Amino acid sequence: MAVFRVPYPEDPERRQALFHRVATAMARHGRYEGTTEQGHFEGTTPLGKFAGSYRVVEGSPELEIELTKKPWLVSTHLLEREVRKMLAQA
């Protein structure tokens, strides 16, 4: 469906702290299985269900996110922007 990359800390402690904050937020809307390196997620919003996977891009300070399901009323661009905003605030 859609794949995008977002900045992700290379420092293991910063990566773990960010992952913990995002995982806590994710738990309010769905569930995830994985580590700081890779995993998958799914959840529900008032507009519909979403699902996907994530993985660290080896040799790069980026996280690749692949959306496999999203509400049809929500654009991929909007989801990418919201993910970037959430990671910047975390």
N, C-alpha and C. Protein backbone atom coordinates (compact mmCIF):
# COMPACT_ATOMS: atom_id res chain seq x y z
N MET A 1 0.83 -1.19 0.00
CA MET A 1 0.00 0.00 0.00
C MET A 1 0.87 1.25 0.00
N ALA A 2 1.74 1.41 1.02
CA ALA A 2 2.62 2.59 1.08
C ALA A 2 3.82 2.30 1.97
N VAL A 3 4.96 2.84 1.57
CA VAL A 3 6.18 2.71 2.36
C VAL A 3 6.81 4.08 2.47
N PHE A 4 7.24 4.44 3.68
CA PHE A 4 7.97 5.69 3.87
C PHE A 4 9.00 5.51 4.97
N ARG A 5 9.98 6.41 4.97
CA ARG A 5 11.06 6.36 5.96
C ARG A 5 11.04 7.63 6.80
N VAL A 6 11.35 7.44 8.08
CA VAL A 6 11.39 8.57 9.02
C VAL A 6 12.69 8.51 9.80
N PRO A 7 13.17 9.66 10.31
CA PRO A 7 14.40 9.66 11.12
C PRO A 7 14.22 8.80 12.37
N TYR A 8 15.30 8.12 12.75
CA TYR A 8 15.27 7.23 13.91
C TYR A 8 16.65 7.28 14.57
N PRO A 9 16.72 7.48 15.88
CA PRO A 9 18.02 7.62 16.55
C PRO A 9 18.92 6.39 16.35
N GLU A 10 20.20 6.65 16.20
CA GLU A 10 21.17 5.55 16.10
C GLU A 10 21.64 5.11 17.49
N ASP A 11 21.64 6.03 18.45
CA ASP A 11 22.07 5.72 19.81
C ASP A 11 21.07 4.74 20.44
N PRO A 12 21.54 3.58 20.93
CA PRO A 12 20.62 2.57 21.48
C PRO A 12 19.75 3.07 22.63
N GLU A 13 20.29 3.92 23.51
CA GLU A 13 19.48 4.43 24.63
C GLU A 13 18.39 5.36 24.15
N ARG A 14 18.71 6.26 23.23
CA ARG A 14 17.70 7.17 22.68
C ARG A 14 16.65 6.39 21.89
N ARG A 15 17.11 5.39 21.16
CA ARG A 15 16.20 4.55 20.37
C ARG A 15 15.23 3.82 21.31
N GLN A 16 15.73 3.26 22.40
CA GLN A 16 14.89 2.54 23.36
C GLN A 16 13.88 3.48 24.01
N ALA A 17 14.32 4.68 24.38
CA ALA A 17 13.41 5.65 25.01
C ALA A 17 12.30 6.06 24.04
N LEU A 18 12.67 6.33 22.80
CA LEU A 18 11.68 6.71 21.79
C LEU A 18 10.71 5.56 21.54
N PHE A 19 11.25 4.37 21.39
CA PHE A 19 10.41 3.19 21.15
C PHE A 19 9.41 3.00 22.29
N HIS A 20 9.86 3.16 23.53
CA HIS A 20 8.97 2.99 24.68
C HIS A 20 7.83 4.01 24.65
N ARG A 21 8.13 5.27 24.35
CA ARG A 21 7.08 6.30 24.29
C ARG A 21 6.08 6.02 23.17
N VAL A 22 6.58 5.64 22.01
CA VAL A 22 5.68 5.35 20.89
C VAL A 22 4.86 4.09 21.17
N ALA A 23 5.48 3.07 21.75
CA ALA A 23 4.76 1.83 22.07
C ALA A 23 3.65 2.09 23.08
N THR A 24 3.90 2.97 24.04
CA THR A 24 2.87 3.32 25.02
C THR A 24 1.69 4.01 24.33
N ALA A 25 1.99 4.93 23.42
CA ALA A 25 0.93 5.60 22.67
C ALA A 25 0.18 4.61 21.79
N MET A 26 0.90 3.72 21.16
CA MET A 26 0.30 2.72 20.28
C MET A 26 -0.65 1.81 21.04
N ALA A 27 -0.32 1.49 22.27
CA ALA A 27 -1.15 0.60 23.08
C ALA A 27 -2.55 1.19 23.32
N ARG A 28 -2.69 2.50 23.24
CA ARG A 28 -4.01 3.13 23.43
C ARG A 28 -4.91 2.94 22.21
N HIS A 29 -4.32 2.66 21.04
CA HIS A 29 -5.11 2.57 19.80
C HIS A 29 -5.07 1.20 19.15
N GLY A 30 -4.26 0.30 19.68
CA GLY A 30 -4.15 -1.01 19.05
C GLY A 30 -3.11 -1.85 19.75
N ARG A 31 -2.37 -2.59 18.95
CA ARG A 31 -1.34 -3.44 19.53
C ARG A 31 -0.16 -3.51 18.57
N TYR A 32 0.96 -3.93 19.11
CA TYR A 32 2.16 -4.10 18.30
C TYR A 32 2.92 -5.30 18.83
N GLU A 33 3.72 -5.88 18.00
CA GLU A 33 4.64 -6.94 18.39
C GLU A 33 5.96 -6.61 17.73
N GLY A 34 7.02 -6.58 18.52
CA GLY A 34 8.31 -6.31 17.92
C GLY A 34 9.30 -5.74 18.91
N THR A 35 10.40 -5.30 18.35
CA THR A 35 11.51 -4.75 19.11
C THR A 35 11.81 -3.35 18.59
N THR A 36 12.89 -2.76 19.09
CA THR A 36 13.30 -1.45 18.58
C THR A 36 13.80 -1.55 17.15
N GLU A 37 14.05 -2.76 16.66
CA GLU A 37 14.61 -2.96 15.32
C GLU A 37 13.56 -3.27 14.25
N GLN A 38 12.53 -4.04 14.62
CA GLN A 38 11.51 -4.42 13.64
C GLN A 38 10.28 -4.97 14.34
N GLY A 39 9.16 -4.95 13.62
CA GLY A 39 7.94 -5.49 14.18
C GLY A 39 6.74 -5.14 13.31
N HIS A 40 5.56 -5.37 13.85
CA HIS A 40 4.34 -5.01 13.14
C HIS A 40 3.32 -4.46 14.13
N PHE A 41 2.31 -3.80 13.59
CA PHE A 41 1.32 -3.12 14.42
C PHE A 41 -0.04 -3.16 13.74
N GLU A 42 -1.08 -2.96 14.53
CA GLU A 42 -2.43 -2.82 14.01
C GLU A 42 -3.27 -2.09 15.04
N GLY A 43 -4.31 -1.46 14.57
CA GLY A 43 -5.17 -0.72 15.49
C GLY A 43 -6.41 -0.19 14.81
N THR A 44 -7.16 0.58 15.56
CA THR A 44 -8.42 1.12 15.09
C THR A 44 -8.52 2.60 15.45
N THR A 45 -9.09 3.36 14.55
CA THR A 45 -9.39 4.77 14.79
C THR A 45 -10.88 4.97 14.51
N PRO A 46 -11.44 6.14 14.82
CA PRO A 46 -12.84 6.37 14.48
C PRO A 46 -13.12 6.26 12.97
N LEU A 47 -12.07 6.43 12.14
CA LEU A 47 -12.26 6.35 10.69
C LEU A 47 -12.01 4.97 10.10
N GLY A 48 -11.48 4.05 10.90
CA GLY A 48 -11.23 2.71 10.40
C GLY A 48 -9.97 2.08 10.96
N LYS A 49 -9.65 0.93 10.43
CA LYS A 49 -8.50 0.16 10.92
C LYS A 49 -7.22 0.53 10.17
N PHE A 50 -6.09 0.28 10.84
CA PHE A 50 -4.79 0.47 10.22
C PHE A 50 -3.88 -0.68 10.62
N ALA A 51 -2.89 -0.96 9.80
CA ALA A 51 -1.93 -2.03 10.09
C ALA A 51 -0.68 -1.81 9.26
N GLY A 52 0.40 -2.40 9.72
CA GLY A 52 1.64 -2.29 8.98
C GLY A 52 2.80 -2.91 9.71
N SER A 53 3.99 -2.63 9.20
CA SER A 53 5.20 -3.14 9.81
C SER A 53 6.26 -2.05 9.79
N TYR A 54 7.31 -2.26 10.56
CA TYR A 54 8.42 -1.30 10.60
C TYR A 54 9.73 -2.06 10.72
N ARG A 55 10.79 -1.44 10.25
CA ARG A 55 12.12 -2.04 10.38
C ARG A 55 13.16 -0.94 10.29
N VAL A 56 14.25 -1.13 10.99
CA VAL A 56 15.38 -0.21 10.91
C VAL A 56 16.07 -0.42 9.57
N VAL A 57 16.39 0.67 8.89
CA VAL A 57 17.14 0.58 7.64
C VAL A 57 18.61 0.45 8.02
N GLU A 58 19.19 -0.70 7.73
CA GLU A 58 20.56 -0.98 8.14
C GLU A 58 21.53 0.02 7.52
N GLY A 59 22.42 0.54 8.38
CA GLY A 59 23.42 1.50 7.93
C GLY A 59 22.87 2.91 7.75
N SER A 60 21.66 3.15 8.24
CA SER A 60 21.02 4.46 8.07
C SER A 60 20.28 4.82 9.36
N PRO A 61 20.23 6.10 9.70
CA PRO A 61 19.46 6.51 10.89
C PRO A 61 17.98 6.69 10.55
N GLU A 62 17.40 5.68 9.91
CA GLU A 62 16.00 5.77 9.49
C GLU A 62 15.23 4.51 9.86
N LEU A 63 13.94 4.70 10.00
CA LEU A 63 13.01 3.61 10.24
C LEU A 63 12.09 3.55 9.03
N GLU A 64 11.95 2.38 8.44
CA GLU A 64 11.06 2.21 7.29
C GLU A 64 9.73 1.67 7.80
N ILE A 65 8.67 2.33 7.42
CA ILE A 65 7.32 1.94 7.84
C ILE A 65 6.53 1.57 6.60
N GLU A 66 5.94 0.39 6.63
CA GLU A 66 5.10 -0.06 5.53
C GLU A 66 3.67 -0.17 6.03
N LEU A 67 2.77 0.58 5.43
CA LEU A 67 1.35 0.50 5.76
C LEU A 67 0.71 -0.57 4.89
N THR A 68 0.02 -1.50 5.51
CA THR A 68 -0.67 -2.53 4.75
C THR A 68 -2.19 -2.35 4.79
N LYS A 69 -2.64 -1.51 5.71
CA LYS A 69 -4.07 -1.20 5.81
C LYS A 69 -4.21 0.18 6.41
N LYS A 70 -5.14 0.97 5.87
CA LYS A 70 -5.42 2.29 6.41
C LYS A 70 -6.86 2.66 6.07
N PRO A 71 -7.45 3.59 6.81
CA PRO A 71 -8.79 4.05 6.46
C PRO A 71 -8.75 4.72 5.08
N TRP A 72 -9.70 4.42 4.24
CA TRP A 72 -9.67 4.96 2.88
C TRP A 72 -9.85 6.47 2.85
N LEU A 73 -10.42 7.05 3.88
CA LEU A 73 -10.59 8.51 3.94
C LEU A 73 -9.32 9.25 4.35
N VAL A 74 -8.32 8.53 4.80
CA VAL A 74 -7.09 9.15 5.29
C VAL A 74 -5.97 8.92 4.27
N SER A 75 -5.35 10.01 3.84
CA SER A 75 -4.28 9.89 2.85
C SER A 75 -3.00 9.35 3.48
N THR A 76 -2.20 8.72 2.65
CA THR A 76 -0.89 8.24 3.10
C THR A 76 -0.03 9.42 3.55
N HIS A 77 -0.12 10.52 2.82
CA HIS A 77 0.65 11.72 3.18
C HIS A 77 0.31 12.19 4.59
N LEU A 78 -0.97 12.21 4.93
CA LEU A 78 -1.39 12.63 6.27
C LEU A 78 -0.84 11.67 7.33
N LEU A 79 -0.90 10.38 7.07
CA LEU A 79 -0.37 9.41 8.03
C LEU A 79 1.13 9.59 8.22
N GLU A 80 1.87 9.78 7.13
CA GLU A 80 3.31 9.99 7.24
C GLU A 80 3.61 11.24 8.05
N ARG A 81 2.87 12.31 7.80
CA ARG A 81 3.07 13.56 8.54
C ARG A 81 2.81 13.36 10.03
N GLU A 82 1.76 12.63 10.37
CA GLU A 82 1.43 12.39 11.78
C GLU A 82 2.48 11.51 12.46
N VAL A 83 2.99 10.52 11.75
CA VAL A 83 4.05 9.67 12.31
C VAL A 83 5.29 10.52 12.58
N ARG A 84 5.66 11.36 11.62
CA ARG A 84 6.83 12.23 11.81
C ARG A 84 6.63 13.16 13.01
N LYS A 85 5.44 13.70 13.14
CA LYS A 85 5.14 14.60 14.25
C LYS A 85 5.22 13.84 15.59
N MET A 86 4.67 12.65 15.63
CA MET A 86 4.69 11.86 16.86
C MET A 86 6.13 11.51 17.25
N LEU A 87 6.95 11.13 16.28
CA LEU A 87 8.34 10.79 16.58
C LEU A 87 9.13 12.01 17.02
N ALA A 88 8.84 13.16 16.46
CA ALA A 88 9.55 14.38 16.84
C ALA A 88 9.19 14.80 18.27
N GLN A 89 7.97 14.54 18.70
CA GLN A 89 7.52 14.92 20.04
C GLN A 89 7.92 13.90 21.09
N ALA A 90 8.20 12.69 20.67
CA ALA A 90 8.48 11.61 21.63
C ALA A 90 9.86 11.72 22.23
